[in-house]
């Protein structure tokens, strides 16, 4: 502490700056520990999810093989034994306006459309 013309000036700037630097360093260490911990937990979670994905992939593969083996056993006799019948398709068609056969006349076409 020293005295000048303006009054008494306290020389604590060094202490304040040291506290600020140490406080900033402490905050950075805490931030680093938090980020490192979250990275490690994310890596462990990803490994667990990859293991679960492999298990599910194997289950799907086994189900696909079961489906394909069962699909190969289905034929007409099997479907008839379950009560299915073959469908007879009946289609309804109509001649378009612009289409005429060679023996029809334009009057006959217009008369049929009315």
PDB file of N, CA and C in Angstrom:
ATOM      1  N   UNK A   1       0.835  -1.160   0.000  1.00  0.00           N
ATOM      2  CA  UNK A   1       0.000   0.000   0.000  1.00  0.00           C
ATOM      3  C   UNK A   1       0.892   1.240   0.000  1.00  0.00           C
ATOM      4  N   UNK A   2       0.522   2.161  -0.844  1.00  0.00           N
ATOM      5  CA  UNK A   2       1.288   3.398  -0.857  1.00  0.00           C
ATOM      6  C   UNK A   2       0.352   4.586  -0.994  1.00  0.00           C
ATOM      7  N   UNK A   3       0.839   5.765  -0.700  1.00  0.00           N
ATOM      8  CA  UNK A   3       0.035   6.986  -0.683  1.00  0.00           C
ATOM      9  C   UNK A   3       0.445   7.846  -1.852  1.00  0.00           C
ATOM     10  N   UNK A   4      -0.554   8.339  -2.569  1.00  0.00           N
ATOM     11  CA  UNK A   4      -0.281   9.277  -3.668  1.00  0.00           C
ATOM     12  C   UNK A   4      -1.072  10.545  -3.414  1.00  0.00           C
ATOM     13  N   UNK A   5      -1.024  11.432  -4.391  1.00  0.00           N
ATOM     14  CA  UNK A   5      -1.729  12.706  -4.258  1.00  0.00           C
ATOM     15  C   UNK A   5      -3.245  12.499  -4.206  1.00  0.00           C
ATOM     16  N   UNK A   6      -3.762  11.438  -4.863  1.00  0.00           N
ATOM     17  CA  UNK A   6      -5.208  11.210  -4.911  1.00  0.00           C
ATOM     18  C   UNK A   6      -5.703  10.509  -3.658  1.00  0.00           C
ATOM     19  N   UNK A   7      -4.858   9.955  -2.893  1.00  0.00           N
ATOM     20  CA  UNK A   7      -5.294   9.276  -1.687  1.00  0.00           C
ATOM     21  C   UNK A   7      -4.574   7.957  -1.539  1.00  0.00           C
ATOM     22  N   UNK A   8      -5.167   7.028  -0.778  1.00  0.00           N
ATOM     23  CA  UNK A   8      -4.564   5.738  -0.506  1.00  0.00           C
ATOM     24  C   UNK A   8      -4.958   4.772  -1.624  1.00  0.00           C
ATOM     25  N   UNK A   9      -3.969   4.070  -2.230  1.00  0.00           N
ATOM     26  CA  UNK A   9      -4.213   3.086  -3.278  1.00  0.00           C
ATOM     27  C   UNK A   9      -3.787   1.729  -2.739  1.00  0.00           C
ATOM     28  N   UNK A  10      -4.709   0.774  -2.770  1.00  0.00           N
ATOM     29  CA  UNK A  10      -4.441  -0.578  -2.288  1.00  0.00           C
ATOM     30  C   UNK A  10      -3.815  -1.372  -3.432  1.00  0.00           C
ATOM     31  N   UNK A  11      -2.753  -2.126  -3.187  1.00  0.00           N
ATOM     32  CA  UNK A  11      -2.044  -2.869  -4.225  1.00  0.00           C
ATOM     33  C   UNK A  11      -2.476  -4.342  -4.202  1.00  0.00           C
ATOM     34  N   UNK A  12      -3.808  -4.632  -4.351  1.00  0.00           N
ATOM     35  CA  UNK A  12      -4.324  -5.989  -4.351  1.00  0.00           C
ATOM     36  C   UNK A  12      -4.571  -6.522  -5.762  1.00  0.00           C
ATOM     37  N   UNK A  13      -4.117  -5.826  -6.779  1.00  0.00           N
ATOM     38  CA  UNK A  13      -4.359  -6.261  -8.164  1.00  0.00           C
ATOM     39  C   UNK A  13      -3.692  -7.610  -8.415  1.00  0.00           C
ATOM     40  N   UNK A  14      -2.543  -7.845  -7.879  1.00  0.00           N
ATOM     41  CA  UNK A  14      -1.839  -9.121  -8.030  1.00  0.00           C
ATOM     42  C   UNK A  14      -2.621 -10.271  -7.406  1.00  0.00           C
ATOM     43  N   UNK A  15      -3.192 -10.035  -6.198  1.00  0.00           N
ATOM     44  CA  UNK A  15      -3.976 -11.075  -5.539  1.00  0.00           C
ATOM     45  C   UNK A  15      -5.259 -11.377  -6.323  1.00  0.00           C
ATOM     46  N   UNK A  16      -5.914 -10.334  -6.813  1.00  0.00           N
ATOM     47  CA  UNK A  16      -7.163 -10.513  -7.573  1.00  0.00           C
ATOM     48  C   UNK A  16      -6.897 -11.271  -8.871  1.00  0.00           C
ATOM     49  N   UNK A  17      -5.827 -10.919  -9.570  1.00  0.00           N
ATOM     50  CA  UNK A  17      -5.525 -11.601 -10.831  1.00  0.00           C
ATOM     51  C   UNK A  17      -5.142 -13.067 -10.584  1.00  0.00           C
ATOM     52  N   UNK A  18      -4.400 -13.328  -9.477  1.00  0.00           N
ATOM     53  CA  UNK A  18      -4.050 -14.715  -9.148  1.00  0.00           C
ATOM     54  C   UNK A  18      -5.304 -15.532  -8.835  1.00  0.00           C
ATOM     55  N   UNK A  19      -6.240 -14.966  -8.094  1.00  0.00           N
ATOM     56  CA  UNK A  19      -7.503 -15.663  -7.809  1.00  0.00           C
ATOM     57  C   UNK A  19      -8.296 -15.914  -9.091  1.00  0.00           C
ATOM     58  N   UNK A  20      -8.331 -14.940  -9.986  1.00  0.00           N
ATOM     59  CA  UNK A  20      -9.050 -15.102 -11.249  1.00  0.00           C
ATOM     60  C   UNK A  20      -8.429 -16.220 -12.089  1.00  0.00           C
ATOM     61  N   UNK A  21      -7.095 -16.239 -12.175  1.00  0.00           N
ATOM     62  CA  UNK A  21      -6.417 -17.272 -12.967  1.00  0.00           C
ATOM     63  C   UNK A  21      -6.647 -18.654 -12.361  1.00  0.00           C
ATOM     64  N   UNK A  22      -6.522 -18.784 -11.031  1.00  0.00           N
ATOM     65  CA  UNK A  22      -6.750 -20.076 -10.375  1.00  0.00           C
ATOM     66  C   UNK A  22      -8.215 -20.510 -10.492  1.00  0.00           C
ATOM     67  N   UNK A  23      -9.149 -19.572 -10.380  1.00  0.00           N
ATOM     68  CA  UNK A  23     -10.573 -19.888 -10.534  1.00  0.00           C
ATOM     69  C   UNK A  23     -10.881 -20.351 -11.954  1.00  0.00           C
ATOM     70  N   UNK A  24     -10.300 -19.672 -12.945  1.00  0.00           N
ATOM     71  CA  UNK A  24     -10.501 -20.064 -14.341  1.00  0.00           C
ATOM     72  C   UNK A  24      -9.916 -21.449 -14.597  1.00  0.00           C
ATOM     73  N   UNK A  25      -8.738 -21.700 -14.045  1.00  0.00           N
ATOM     74  CA  UNK A  25      -8.115 -23.017 -14.200  1.00  0.00           C
ATOM     75  C   UNK A  25      -8.970 -24.106 -13.566  1.00  0.00           C
ATOM     76  N   UNK A  26      -9.509 -23.836 -12.377  1.00  0.00           N
ATOM     77  CA  UNK A  26     -10.395 -24.792 -11.719  1.00  0.00           C
ATOM     78  C   UNK A  26     -11.646 -25.070 -12.548  1.00  0.00           C
ATOM     79  N   UNK A  27     -12.247 -24.025 -13.120  1.00  0.00           N
ATOM     80  CA  UNK A  27     -13.432 -24.207 -13.968  1.00  0.00           C
ATOM     81  C   UNK A  27     -13.089 -25.026 -15.207  1.00  0.00           C
ATOM     82  N   UNK A  28     -11.927 -24.775 -15.808  1.00  0.00           N
ATOM     83  CA  UNK A  28     -11.515 -25.538 -16.983  1.00  0.00           C
ATOM     84  C   UNK A  28     -11.273 -27.005 -16.638  1.00  0.00           C
ATOM     85  N   UNK A  29     -10.708 -27.270 -15.465  1.00  0.00           N
ATOM     86  CA  UNK A  29     -10.493 -28.659 -15.040  1.00  0.00           C
ATOM     87  C   UNK A  29     -11.832 -29.361 -14.843  1.00  0.00           C
ATOM     88  N   UNK A  30     -12.795 -28.678 -14.205  1.00  0.00           N
ATOM     89  CA  UNK A  30     -14.121 -29.264 -14.024  1.00  0.00           C
ATOM     90  C   UNK A  30     -14.807 -29.517 -15.366  1.00  0.00           C
ATOM     91  N   UNK A  31     -14.696 -28.575 -16.296  1.00  0.00           N
ATOM     92  CA  UNK A  31     -15.282 -28.747 -17.624  1.00  0.00           C
ATOM     93  C   UNK A  31     -14.632 -29.913 -18.362  1.00  0.00           C
ATOM     94  N   UNK A  32     -13.315 -30.036 -18.257  1.00  0.00           N
ATOM     95  CA  UNK A  32     -12.594 -31.140 -18.885  1.00  0.00           C
ATOM     96  C   UNK A  32     -13.043 -32.478 -18.299  1.00  0.00           C
ATOM     97  N   UNK A  33     -13.183 -32.550 -16.972  1.00  0.00           N
ATOM     98  CA  UNK A  33     -13.623 -33.794 -16.344  1.00  0.00           C
ATOM     99  C   UNK A  33     -15.042 -34.154 -16.770  1.00  0.00           C
ATOM    100  N   UNK A  34     -15.928 -33.167 -16.888  1.00  0.00           N
ATOM    101  CA  UNK A  34     -17.294 -33.417 -17.333  1.00  0.00           C
ATOM    102  C   UNK A  34     -17.318 -33.933 -18.764  1.00  0.00           C
ATOM    103  N   UNK A  35     -16.586 -33.276 -19.661  1.00  0.00           N
ATOM    104  CA  UNK A  35     -16.560 -33.708 -21.063  1.00  0.00           C
ATOM    105  C   UNK A  35     -15.938 -35.096 -21.209  1.00  0.00           C
ATOM    106  N   UNK A  36     -14.878 -35.358 -20.478  1.00  0.00           N
ATOM    107  CA  UNK A  36     -14.242 -36.676 -20.535  1.00  0.00           C
ATOM    108  C   UNK A  36     -15.184 -37.762 -20.015  1.00  0.00           C
ATOM    109  N   UNK A  37     -15.879 -37.484 -18.930  1.00  0.00           N
ATOM    110  CA  UNK A  37     -16.832 -38.449 -18.383  1.00  0.00           C
ATOM    111  C   UNK A  37     -17.983 -38.714 -19.338  1.00  0.00           C
ATOM    112  N   UNK A  38     -18.497 -37.672 -19.985  1.00  0.00           N
ATOM    113  CA  UNK A  38     -19.598 -37.885 -20.927  1.00  0.00           C
ATOM    114  C   UNK A  38     -19.122 -38.652 -22.154  1.00  0.00           C
ATOM    115  N   UNK A  39     -17.884 -38.429 -22.588  1.00  0.00           N
ATOM    116  CA  UNK A  39     -17.352 -39.180 -23.728  1.00  0.00           C
ATOM    117  C   UNK A  39     -17.217 -40.661 -23.381  1.00  0.00           C
ATOM    118  N   UNK A  40     -16.716 -40.955 -22.210  1.00  0.00           N
ATOM    119  CA  UNK A  40     -16.551 -42.356 -21.796  1.00  0.00           C
ATOM    120  C   UNK A  40     -17.912 -43.037 -21.676  1.00  0.00           C
ATOM    121  N   UNK A  41     -18.892 -42.356 -21.092  1.00  0.00           N
ATOM    122  CA  UNK A  41     -20.223 -42.959 -20.960  1.00  0.00           C
ATOM    123  C   UNK A  41     -20.866 -43.167 -22.331  1.00  0.00           C
ATOM    124  N   UNK A  42     -20.657 -42.240 -23.275  1.00  0.00           N
ATOM    125  CA  UNK A  42     -21.202 -42.414 -24.628  1.00  0.00           C
ATOM    126  C   UNK A  42     -20.535 -43.583 -25.344  1.00  0.00           C
ATOM    127  N   UNK A  43     -19.245 -43.766 -25.145  1.00  0.00           N
ATOM    128  CA  UNK A  43     -18.544 -44.897 -25.769  1.00  0.00           C
ATOM    129  C   UNK A  43     -19.067 -46.214 -25.219  1.00  0.00           C
ATOM    130  N   UNK A  44     -19.263 -46.295 -23.901  1.00  0.00           N
ATOM    131  CA  UNK A  44     -19.785 -47.523 -23.299  1.00  0.00           C
ATOM    132  C   UNK A  44     -21.205 -47.806 -23.766  1.00  0.00           C
ATOM    133  N   UNK A  45     -22.014 -46.763 -23.873  1.00  0.00           N
ATOM    134  CA  UNK A  45     -23.385 -46.951 -24.346  1.00  0.00           C
ATOM    135  C   UNK A  45     -23.412 -47.405 -25.804  1.00  0.00           C
ATOM    136  N   UNK A  46     -22.523 -46.843 -26.629  1.00  0.00           N
ATOM    137  CA  UNK A  46     -22.451 -47.241 -28.039  1.00  0.00           C
ATOM    138  C   UNK A  46     -22.053 -48.703 -28.172  1.00  0.00           C
ATOM    139  N   UNK A  47     -21.106 -49.151 -27.367  1.00  0.00           N
ATOM    140  CA  UNK A  47     -20.701 -50.561 -27.409  1.00  0.00           C
ATOM    141  C   UNK A  47     -21.851 -51.477 -27.020  1.00  0.00           C
ATOM    142  N   UNK A  48     -22.603 -51.081 -26.010  1.00  0.00           N
ATOM    143  CA  UNK A  48     -23.768 -51.872 -25.609  1.00  0.00           C
ATOM    144  C   UNK A  48     -24.821 -51.926 -26.714  1.00  0.00           C
ATOM    145  N   UNK A  49     -25.041 -50.792 -27.375  1.00  0.00           N
ATOM    146  CA  UNK A  49     -26.012 -50.754 -28.472  1.00  0.00           C
ATOM    147  C   UNK A  49     -25.545 -51.587 -29.664  1.00  0.00           C
ATOM    148  N   UNK A  50     -24.244 -51.588 -29.930  1.00  0.00           N
ATOM    149  CA  UNK A  50     -23.730 -52.416 -31.023  1.00  0.00           C
ATOM    150  C   UNK A  50     -23.917 -53.895 -30.727  1.00  0.00           C
ATOM    151  N   UNK A  51     -23.725 -54.287 -29.468  1.00  0.00           N
ATOM    152  CA  UNK A  51     -23.950 -55.680 -29.080  1.00  0.00           C
ATOM    153  C   UNK A  51     -25.421 -56.040 -29.251  1.00  0.00           C
ATOM    154  N   UNK A  52     -26.309 -55.169 -28.814  1.00  0.00           N
ATOM    155  CA  UNK A  52     -27.758 -55.407 -28.958  1.00  0.00           C
ATOM    156  C   UNK A  52     -28.139 -55.475 -30.434  1.00  0.00           C
ATOM    157  N   UNK A  53     -27.521 -54.643 -31.254  1.00  0.00           N
ATOM    158  CA  UNK A  53     -27.814 -54.651 -32.695  1.00  0.00           C
ATOM    159  C   UNK A  53     -27.397 -55.973 -33.318  1.00  0.00           C
ATOM    160  N   UNK A  54     -26.257 -56.516 -32.911  1.00  0.00           N
ATOM    161  CA  UNK A  54     -25.818 -57.809 -33.439  1.00  0.00           C
ATOM    162  C   UNK A  54     -26.787 -58.921 -33.061  1.00  0.00           C
ATOM    163  N   UNK A  55     -27.272 -58.889 -31.823  1.00  0.00           N
ATOM    164  CA  UNK A  55     -28.223 -59.904 -31.372  1.00  0.00           C
ATOM    165  C   UNK A  55     -29.517 -59.809 -32.182  1.00  0.00           C
ATOM    166  N   UNK A  56     -30.028 -58.582 -32.350  1.00  0.00           N
ATOM    167  CA  UNK A  56     -31.262 -58.402 -33.117  1.00  0.00           C
ATOM    168  C   UNK A  56     -31.074 -58.778 -34.578  1.00  0.00           C
ATOM    169  N   UNK A  57     -29.925 -58.477 -35.133  1.00  0.00           N
ATOM    170  CA  UNK A  57     -29.649 -58.839 -36.519  1.00  0.00           C
ATOM    171  C   UNK A  57     -29.653 -60.354 -36.699  1.00  0.00           C
ATOM    172  N   UNK A  58     -29.082 -61.077 -35.750  1.00  0.00           N
ATOM    173  CA  UNK A  58     -29.100 -62.542 -35.808  1.00  0.00           C
ATOM    174  C   UNK A  58     -30.516 -63.089 -35.680  1.00  0.00           C
ATOM    175  N   UNK A  59     -31.328 -62.481 -34.815  1.00  0.00           N
ATOM    176  CA  UNK A  59     -32.716 -62.916 -34.681  1.00  0.00           C
ATOM    177  C   UNK A  59     -33.491 -62.700 -35.973  1.00  0.00           C
ATOM    178  N   UNK A  60     -33.288 -61.551 -36.603  1.00  0.00           N
ATOM    179  CA  UNK A  60     -33.966 -61.267 -37.880  1.00  0.00           C
ATOM    180  C   UNK A  60     -33.524 -62.255 -38.940  1.00  0.00           C
ATOM    181  N   UNK A  61     -32.244 -62.550 -38.998  1.00  0.00           N
ATOM    182  CA  UNK A  61     -31.726 -63.504 -39.978  1.00  0.00           C
ATOM    183  C   UNK A  61     -32.358 -64.884 -39.778  1.00  0.00           C
ATOM    184  N   UNK A  62     -32.473 -65.322 -38.526  1.00  0.00           N
ATOM    185  CA  UNK A  62     -33.098 -66.615 -38.241  1.00  0.00           C
ATOM    186  C   UNK A  62     -34.576 -66.614 -38.618  1.00  0.00           C
ATOM    187  N   UNK A  63     -35.274 -65.513 -38.342  1.00  0.00           N
ATOM    188  CA  UNK A  63     -36.686 -65.424 -38.723  1.00  0.00           C
ATOM    189  C   UNK A  63     -36.863 -65.434 -40.238  1.00  0.00           C
ATOM    190  N   UNK A  64     -35.962 -64.764 -40.961  1.00  0.00           N
ATOM    191  CA  UNK A  64     -36.039 -64.784 -42.423  1.00  0.00           C
ATOM    192  C   UNK A  64     -35.835 -66.194 -42.962  1.00  0.00           C
ATOM    193  N   UNK A  65     -34.892 -66.932 -42.403  1.00  0.00           N
ATOM    194  CA  UNK A  65     -34.675 -68.316 -42.842  1.00  0.00           C
ATOM    195  C   UNK A  65     -35.888 -69.191 -42.543  1.00  0.00           C
ATOM    196  N   UNK A  66     -36.506 -68.985 -41.385  1.00  0.00           N
ATOM    197  CA  UNK A  66     -37.718 -69.740 -41.049  1.00  0.00           C
ATOM    198  C   UNK A  66     -38.842 -69.405 -42.017  1.00  0.00           C
ATOM    199  N   UNK A  67     -38.990 -68.131 -42.338  1.00  0.00           N
ATOM    200  CA  UNK A  67     -40.029 -67.695 -43.284  1.00  0.00           C
ATOM    201  C   UNK A  67     -39.803 -68.320 -44.661  1.00  0.00           C
ATOM    202  N   UNK A  68     -38.564 -68.288 -45.130  1.00  0.00           N
ATOM    203  CA  UNK A  68     -38.288 -68.850 -46.455  1.00  0.00           C
ATOM    204  C   UNK A  68     -38.534 -70.351 -46.492  1.00  0.00           C
ATOM    205  N   UNK A  69     -38.193 -71.048 -45.430  1.00  0.00           N
ATOM    206  CA  UNK A  69     -38.434 -72.490 -45.415  1.00  0.00           C
ATOM    207  C   UNK A  69     -39.924 -72.790 -45.362  1.00  0.00           C
ATOM    208  N   UNK A  70     -40.686 -71.980 -44.645  1.00  0.00           N
ATOM    209  CA  UNK A  70     -42.134 -72.182 -44.596  1.00  0.00           C
ATOM    210  C   UNK A  70     -42.796 -71.781 -45.909  1.00  0.00           C
ATOM    211  N   UNK A  71     -42.273 -70.746 -46.572  1.00  0.00           N
ATOM    212  CA  UNK A  71     -42.854 -70.286 -47.834  1.00  0.00           C
ATOM    213  C   UNK A  71     -42.645 -71.321 -48.930  1.00  0.00           C
ATOM    214  N   UNK A  72     -41.583 -72.080 -48.864  1.00  0.00           N
ATOM    215  CA  UNK A  72     -41.340 -73.111 -49.878  1.00  0.00           C
ATOM    216  C   UNK A  72     -42.303 -74.286 -49.734  1.00  0.00           C
ATOM    217  N   UNK A  73     -42.916 -74.462 -48.576  1.00  0.00           N
ATOM    218  CA  UNK A  73     -43.845 -75.566 -48.349  1.00  0.00           C
ATOM    219  C   UNK A  73     -45.260 -75.256 -48.828  1.00  0.00           C
ATOM    220  N   UNK A  74     -45.545 -74.011 -49.180  1.00  0.00           N
ATOM    221  CA  UNK A  74     -46.895 -73.629 -49.601  1.00  0.00           C
ATOM    222  C   UNK A  74     -47.044 -73.910 -51.093  1.00  0.00           C
ATOM    223  N   UNK A  75     -48.072 -74.689 -51.443  1.00  0.00           N
ATOM    224  CA  UNK A  75     -48.382 -74.969 -52.839  1.00  0.00           C
ATOM    225  C   UNK A  75     -49.895 -75.028 -52.989  1.00  0.00           C
ATOM    226  N   UNK A  76     -50.382 -75.390 -54.192  1.00  0.00           N
ATOM    227  CA  UNK A  76     -51.814 -75.406 -54.441  1.00  0.00           C
ATOM    228  C   UNK A  76     -52.538 -76.425 -53.574  1.00  0.00           C
ATOM    229  N   UNK A  77     -51.965 -77.594 -53.393  1.00  0.00           N
ATOM    230  CA  UNK A  77     -52.621 -78.612 -52.583  1.00  0.00           C
ATOM    231  C   UNK A  77     -52.777 -78.149 -51.133  1.00  0.00           C
ATOM    232  N   UNK A  78     -51.755 -77.502 -50.621  1.00  0.00           N
ATOM    233  CA  UNK A  78     -51.824 -76.993 -49.246  1.00  0.00           C
ATOM    234  C   UNK A  78     -52.904 -75.926 -49.127  1.00  0.00           C
ATOM    235  N   UNK A  79     -52.988 -75.028 -50.098  1.00  0.00           N
ATOM    236  CA  UNK A  79     -54.007 -73.975 -50.035  1.00  0.00           C
ATOM    237  C   UNK A  79     -55.404 -74.560 -50.197  1.00  0.00           C
ATOM    238  N   UNK A  80     -55.576 -75.585 -51.059  1.00  0.00           N
ATOM    239  CA  UNK A  80     -56.879 -76.240 -51.188  1.00  0.00           C
ATOM    240  C   UNK A  80     -57.268 -76.925 -49.876  1.00  0.00           C
ATOM    241  N   UNK A  81     -56.290 -77.497 -49.179  1.00  0.00           N
ATOM    242  CA  UNK A  81     -56.599 -78.161 -47.903  1.00  0.00           C
ATOM    243  C   UNK A  81     -57.029 -77.156 -46.841  1.00  0.00           C
ATOM    244  N   UNK A  82     -56.594 -75.903 -46.969  1.00  0.00           N
ATOM    245  CA  UNK A  82     -57.011 -74.863 -46.025  1.00  0.00           C
ATOM    246  C   UNK A  82     -58.342 -74.227 -46.407  1.00  0.00           C
ATOM    247  N   UNK A  83     -58.886 -74.601 -47.584  1.00  0.00           N
ATOM    248  CA  UNK A  83     -60.192 -74.090 -47.991  1.00  0.00           C
ATOM    249  C   UNK A  83     -60.137 -72.977 -49.016  1.00  0.00           C
ATOM    250  N   UNK A  84     -58.979 -72.668 -49.537  1.00  0.00           N
ATOM    251  CA  UNK A  84     -58.888 -71.633 -50.559  1.00  0.00           C
ATOM    252  C   UNK A  84     -59.328 -72.202 -51.895  1.00  0.00           C
ATOM    253  N   UNK A  85     -59.900 -71.351 -52.735  1.00  0.00           N
ATOM    254  CA  UNK A  85     -60.314 -71.744 -54.076  1.00  0.00           C
ATOM    255  C   UNK A  85     -59.648 -70.819 -55.069  1.00  0.00           C
ATOM    256  N   UNK A  86     -59.500 -71.306 -56.282  1.00  0.00           N
ATOM    257  CA  UNK A  86     -58.898 -70.487 -57.327  1.00  0.00           C
ATOM    258  C   UNK A  86     -59.939 -69.503 -57.834  1.00  0.00           C
ATOM    259  N   UNK A  87     -59.573 -68.268 -57.980  1.00  0.00           N
ATOM    260  CA  UNK A  87     -60.506 -67.221 -58.376  1.00  0.00           C
ATOM    261  C   UNK A  87     -60.655 -67.202 -59.884  1.00  0.00           C
ATOM    262  N   UNK A  88     -61.890 -66.999 -60.324  1.00  0.00           N
ATOM    263  CA  UNK A  88     -62.181 -66.815 -61.744  1.00  0.00           C
ATOM    264  C   UNK A  88     -62.327 -65.322 -61.971  1.00  0.00           C
ATOM    265  N   UNK A  89     -61.439 -64.760 -62.737  1.00  0.00           N
ATOM    266  CA  UNK A  89     -61.430 -63.318 -62.947  1.00  0.00           C
ATOM    267  C   UNK A  89     -62.389 -62.945 -64.064  1.00  0.00           C
ATOM    268  N   UNK A  90     -63.311 -62.044 -63.797  1.00  0.00           N
ATOM    269  CA  UNK A  90     -64.224 -61.480 -64.791  1.00  0.00           C
ATOM    270  C   UNK A  90     -63.922 -59.997 -64.879  1.00  0.00           C
ATOM    271  N   UNK A  91     -63.572 -59.553 -66.068  1.00  0.00           N
ATOM    272  CA  UNK A  91     -63.210 -58.161 -66.258  1.00  0.00           C
ATOM    273  C   UNK A  91     -64.300 -57.471 -67.062  1.00  0.00           C
ATOM    274  N   UNK A  92     -64.643 -56.254 -66.686  1.00  0.00           N
ATOM    275  CA  UNK A  92     -65.587 -55.440 -67.437  1.00  0.00           C
ATOM    276  C   UNK A  92     -64.793 -54.438 -68.248  1.00  0.00           C
ATOM    277  N   UNK A  93     -65.038 -54.397 -69.549  1.00  0.00           N
ATOM    278  CA  UNK A  93     -64.320 -53.467 -70.412  1.00  0.00           C
ATOM    279  C   UNK A  93     -65.311 -52.636 -71.198  1.00  0.00           C
ATOM    280  N   UNK A  94     -64.861 -51.513 -71.661  1.00  0.00           N
ATOM    281  CA  UNK A  94     -65.687 -50.618 -72.445  1.00  0.00           C
ATOM    282  C   UNK A  94     -64.828 -50.047 -73.547  1.00  0.00           C
ATOM    283  N   UNK A  95     -65.384 -49.904 -74.711  1.00  0.00           N
ATOM    284  CA  UNK A  95     -64.628 -49.320 -75.810  1.00  0.00           C
ATOM    285  C   UNK A  95     -64.480 -47.832 -75.574  1.00  0.00           C
ATOM    286  N   UNK A  96     -63.327 -47.315 -75.912  1.00  0.00           N
ATOM    287  CA  UNK A  96     -63.126 -45.882 -75.770  1.00  0.00           C
ATOM    288  C   UNK A  96     -63.852 -45.157 -76.884  1.00  0.00           C
ATOM    289  N   UNK A  97     -64.084 -43.884 -76.740  1.00  0.00           N
ATOM    290  CA  UNK A  97     -64.854 -43.102 -77.710  1.00  0.00           C
ATOM    291  C   UNK A  97     -64.144 -43.049 -79.055  1.00  0.00           C
ATOM    292  N   UNK A  98     -62.862 -42.919 -79.051  1.00  0.00           N
ATOM    293  CA  UNK A  98     -62.120 -42.791 -80.301  1.00  0.00           C
ATOM    294  C   UNK A  98     -61.924 -44.111 -81.022  1.00  0.00           C
ATOM    295  N   UNK A  99     -62.199 -45.249 -80.408  1.00  0.00           N
ATOM    296  CA  UNK A  99     -61.962 -46.550 -81.020  1.00  0.00           C
ATOM    297  C   UNK A  99     -63.228 -47.055 -81.693  1.00  0.00           C
ATOM    298  N   UNK A 100     -63.124 -47.364 -82.973  1.00  0.00           N
ATOM    299  CA  UNK A 100     -64.252 -47.931 -83.726  1.00  0.00           C
ATOM    300  C   UNK A 100     -63.726 -49.062 -84.578  1.00  0.00           C
ATOM    301  N   UNK A 101     -64.511 -50.108 -84.672  1.00  0.00           N
ATOM    302  CA  UNK A 101     -64.136 -51.167 -85.594  1.00  0.00           C
ATOM    303  C   UNK A 101     -64.522 -50.751 -86.998  1.00  0.00           C
ATOM    304  N   UNK A 102     -64.079 -51.473 -87.980  1.00  0.00           N
ATOM    305  CA  UNK A 102     -64.290 -51.065 -89.370  1.00  0.00           C
ATOM    306  C   UNK A 102     -65.745 -51.159 -89.797  1.00  0.00           C
ATOM    307  N   UNK A 103     -66.579 -51.994 -89.177  1.00  0.00           N
ATOM    308  CA  UNK A 103     -67.955 -52.139 -89.612  1.00  0.00           C
ATOM    309  C   UNK A 103     -68.925 -51.250 -88.853  1.00  0.00           C
ATOM    310  N   UNK A 104     -68.476 -50.525 -87.816  1.00  0.00           N
ATOM    311  CA  UNK A 104     -69.367 -49.625 -87.085  1.00  0.00           C
ATOM    312  C   UNK A 104     -69.327 -48.252 -87.736  1.00  0.00           C
ATOM    313  N   UNK A 105     -70.419 -47.567 -87.630  1.00  0.00           N
ATOM    314  CA  UNK A 105     -70.463 -46.202 -88.154  1.00  0.00           C
ATOM    315  C   UNK A 105     -70.434 -45.221 -86.995  1.00  0.00           C
ATOM    316  N   UNK A 106     -70.224 -43.971 -87.314  1.00  0.00           N
ATOM    317  CA  UNK A 106     -70.163 -42.931 -86.290  1.00  0.00           C
ATOM    318  C   UNK A 106     -71.520 -42.745 -85.639  1.00  0.00           C
ATOM    319  N   UNK A 107     -72.607 -42.852 -86.405  1.00  0.00           N
ATOM    320  CA  UNK A 107     -73.936 -42.704 -85.836  1.00  0.00           C
ATOM    321  C   UNK A 107     -74.240 -43.800 -84.837  1.00  0.00           C
ATOM    322  N   UNK A 108     -73.848 -45.001 -85.141  1.00  0.00           N
ATOM    323  CA  UNK A 108     -74.079 -46.119 -84.259  1.00  0.00           C
ATOM    324  C   UNK A 108     -73.329 -45.952 -82.940  1.00  0.00           C
ATOM    325  N   UNK A 109     -72.113 -45.424 -83.002  1.00  0.00           N
ATOM    326  CA  UNK A 109     -71.301 -45.185 -81.794  1.00  0.00           C
ATOM    327  C   UNK A 109     -71.925 -44.116 -80.939  1.00  0.00           C
ATOM    328  N   UNK A 110     -72.365 -43.014 -81.549  1.00  0.00           N
ATOM    329  CA  UNK A 110     -72.980 -41.937 -80.784  1.00  0.00           C
ATOM    330  C   UNK A 110     -74.293 -42.396 -80.178  1.00  0.00           C
ATOM    331  N   UNK A 111     -75.046 -43.202 -80.891  1.00  0.00           N
ATOM    332  CA  UNK A 111     -76.320 -43.706 -80.384  1.00  0.00           C
ATOM    333  C   UNK A 111     -76.098 -44.595 -79.159  1.00  0.00           C
ATOM    334  N   UNK A 112     -75.028 -45.406 -79.162  1.00  0.00           N
ATOM    335  CA  UNK A 112     -74.754 -46.287 -78.023  1.00  0.00           C
ATOM    336  C   UNK A 112     -74.297 -45.495 -76.796  1.00  0.00           C
ATOM    337  N   UNK A 113     -73.624 -44.367 -77.013  1.00  0.00           N
ATOM    338  CA  UNK A 113     -73.141 -43.572 -75.880  1.00  0.00           C
ATOM    339  C   UNK A 113     -74.252 -42.806 -75.201  1.00  0.00           C
ATOM    340  N   UNK A 114     -75.323 -42.495 -75.938  1.00  0.00           N
ATOM    341  CA  UNK A 114     -76.424 -41.752 -75.343  1.00  0.00           C
ATOM    342  C   UNK A 114     -77.249 -42.705 -74.527  1.00  0.00           C
TER     343      UNK A 114
END
